[in-house]
Amino acid sequence: MEPQDCVASPDVPVVILQKKIQSAKSPEDKAKFEKQLDDLTQARELVKASMRQIVEKCTDSPEQAQKVFNGKSSAYNSIEYKEVVEYLKAKALNWHDPKYQTALQQLYLFANLLEEKVPVERIKAAIDEVSAGLKAK
């Protein structure tokens, strides 16, 4: 048995909606699935933009921010990492909500920020600022 489609797990919801759009039986169904895909795409972009804003608010220079975006930290098991991740989930991007699930793929940024010796309180303050902007939208 050969696999027909190989899709990275984060992209599965997108591919499913694309296939539903292709196989829609009515214009109403097609429009409904297109709206769902658009909503999902917008939510993904919102997550990426929010995480970028958090990193930029926590770093002192574009070079440091780039280092955070490209870094590979091992601070995942620290108490500080868990504290920051739970704070993000509670205040801004609860990944248990399907539209924010892509936030899980961005959590490495917190480990990288901690590796850069960014204080937990500074990260939380950035999350608060960004979440205030999200709630205003």
Protein backbone atom coordinates (compact mmCIF):
# COMPACT_ATOMS: atom_id res chain seq x y z
CA MET A 1 0.00 0.00 0.00
CA GLU A 2 1.48 3.34 -1.07
CA PRO A 3 0.77 6.58 0.76
CA GLN A 4 -1.18 8.93 -1.47
CA ASP A 5 -0.45 12.16 0.36
CA CYS A 6 2.25 12.93 2.88
CA VAL A 7 1.40 15.96 4.94
CA ALA A 8 3.11 17.42 7.97
CA SER A 9 0.80 17.04 10.96
CA PRO A 10 0.38 20.81 11.52
CA ASP A 11 -0.87 21.12 7.92
CA VAL A 12 -3.47 18.35 8.15
CA PRO A 13 -6.40 20.70 8.98
CA VAL A 14 -5.54 22.86 5.96
CA VAL A 15 -5.32 19.90 3.61
CA ILE A 16 -8.58 18.45 4.90
CA LEU A 17 -10.38 21.73 4.23
CA GLN A 18 -8.80 22.00 0.77
CA LYS A 19 -10.05 18.51 -0.07
CA LYS A 20 -13.51 19.37 1.27
CA ILE A 21 -13.54 22.45 -0.96
CA GLN A 22 -12.58 20.35 -3.98
CA SER A 23 -15.24 17.73 -3.31
CA ALA A 24 -18.04 20.06 -2.21
CA LYS A 25 -21.37 19.08 -3.71
CA SER A 26 -22.99 22.51 -3.54
CA PRO A 27 -21.84 26.13 -3.80
CA GLU A 28 -23.03 26.65 -0.21
CA ASP A 29 -20.83 23.84 1.08
CA LYS A 30 -17.88 25.12 -0.92
CA ALA A 31 -18.36 28.63 0.47
CA LYS A 32 -18.62 27.25 4.02
CA PHE A 33 -15.37 25.30 3.68
CA GLU A 34 -13.61 28.25 2.04
CA LYS A 35 -14.63 30.43 4.99
CA GLN A 36 -13.32 27.83 7.44
CA LEU A 37 -10.02 27.68 5.56
CA ASP A 38 -9.78 31.46 5.51
CA ASP A 39 -10.48 31.62 9.27
CA LEU A 40 -7.85 28.96 9.93
CA THR A 41 -5.27 30.76 7.78
CA GLN A 42 -5.97 34.08 9.52
CA ALA A 43 -5.64 32.46 12.96
CA ARG A 44 -2.30 30.93 11.97
CA GLU A 45 -1.01 34.29 10.78
CA LEU A 46 -2.27 35.90 14.00
CA VAL A 47 -0.32 33.36 16.08
CA LYS A 48 2.88 33.92 14.10
CA ALA A 49 2.55 37.70 14.27
CA SER A 50 1.78 37.60 17.99
CA MET A 51 4.80 35.45 18.76
CA ARG A 52 6.99 37.70 16.62
CA GLN A 53 5.75 40.73 18.58
CA ILE A 54 6.45 39.01 21.90
CA VAL A 55 10.02 38.19 20.84
CA GLU A 56 10.63 41.70 19.53
CA LYS A 57 9.35 43.24 22.78
CA CYS A 58 11.60 40.95 24.83
CA THR A 59 14.82 41.49 22.92
CA ASP A 60 17.10 44.51 22.85
CA SER A 61 18.09 44.43 19.19
CA PRO A 62 17.05 42.97 15.84
CA GLU A 63 20.17 40.78 16.01
CA GLN A 64 19.12 39.31 19.35
CA ALA A 65 15.59 38.74 18.04
CA GLN A 66 17.00 36.92 15.01
CA LYS A 67 19.09 34.78 17.33
CA VAL A 68 15.93 33.85 19.24
CA PHE A 69 14.06 32.98 16.03
CA ASN A 70 16.91 30.80 14.78
CA GLY A 71 18.14 29.33 18.07
CA LYS A 72 17.91 25.79 19.35
CA SER A 73 17.73 25.96 23.12
CA SER A 74 17.53 23.11 25.57
CA ALA A 75 15.68 25.11 28.24
CA TYR A 76 12.45 23.16 27.70
CA ASN A 77 12.60 21.42 31.05
CA SER A 78 13.10 24.52 33.14
CA ILE A 79 10.53 25.79 35.60
CA GLU A 80 10.74 29.21 33.92
CA TYR A 81 9.86 27.74 30.53
CA LYS A 82 6.81 25.97 31.91
CA GLU A 83 5.75 29.15 33.73
CA VAL A 84 5.97 31.27 30.57
CA VAL A 85 4.23 28.68 28.38
CA GLU A 86 1.33 28.33 30.81
CA TYR A 87 1.10 32.12 31.04
CA LEU A 88 0.80 32.39 27.25
CA LYS A 89 -1.91 29.74 27.23
CA ALA A 90 -3.88 31.48 29.98
CA LYS A 91 -3.51 35.05 28.73
CA ALA A 92 -3.35 34.98 24.95
CA LEU A 93 -3.13 31.87 22.79
CA ASN A 94 -4.84 28.87 24.32
CA TRP A 95 -3.76 26.07 22.01
CA HIS A 96 -6.64 23.91 23.20
CA ASP A 97 -8.74 26.16 20.96
CA PRO A 98 -8.26 24.60 17.49
CA LYS A 99 -7.66 27.96 15.84
CA TYR A 100 -4.62 28.57 18.06
CA GLN A 101 -3.08 25.09 17.87
CA THR A 102 -0.22 26.40 15.78
CA ALA A 103 0.99 28.22 18.90
CA LEU A 104 2.44 24.86 19.95
CA GLN A 105 4.93 25.10 17.10
CA GLN A 106 6.09 28.49 18.32
CA LEU A 107 6.81 27.61 21.95
CA TYR A 108 10.48 26.98 21.19
CA LEU A 109 10.82 30.77 21.08
CA PHE A 110 10.33 30.92 24.85
CA ALA A 111 13.13 28.43 25.44
CA ASN A 112 15.33 30.55 23.19
CA LEU A 113 14.37 33.75 25.02
CA LEU A 114 15.26 32.13 28.33
CA GLU A 115 18.56 30.96 26.85
CA GLU A 116 19.22 34.62 26.00
CA LYS A 117 18.72 35.41 29.71
CA VAL A 118 15.50 37.36 29.13
CA PRO A 119 13.76 37.59 32.52
CA VAL A 120 10.46 35.75 32.95
CA GLU A 121 8.73 38.96 34.03
CA ARG A 122 9.79 40.70 30.82
CA ILE A 123 8.39 37.83 28.76
CA LYS A 124 5.13 37.92 30.72
CA ALA A 125 4.87 41.69 30.25
CA ALA A 126 5.28 41.22 26.48
CA ILE A 127 2.59 38.53 26.50
CA ASP A 128 0.30 40.92 28.39
CA GLU A 129 0.90 43.70 25.83
CA VAL A 130 0.29 41.43 22.87
CA SER A 131 -2.78 39.78 24.44
CA ALA A 132 -4.29 43.24 25.11
CA GLY A 133 -3.93 43.95 21.39
CA LEU A 134 -5.54 40.59 20.53
CA LYS A 135 -8.51 41.26 22.78
CA ALA A 136 -8.97 44.69 21.22
CA LYS A 137 -9.36 43.07 17.79
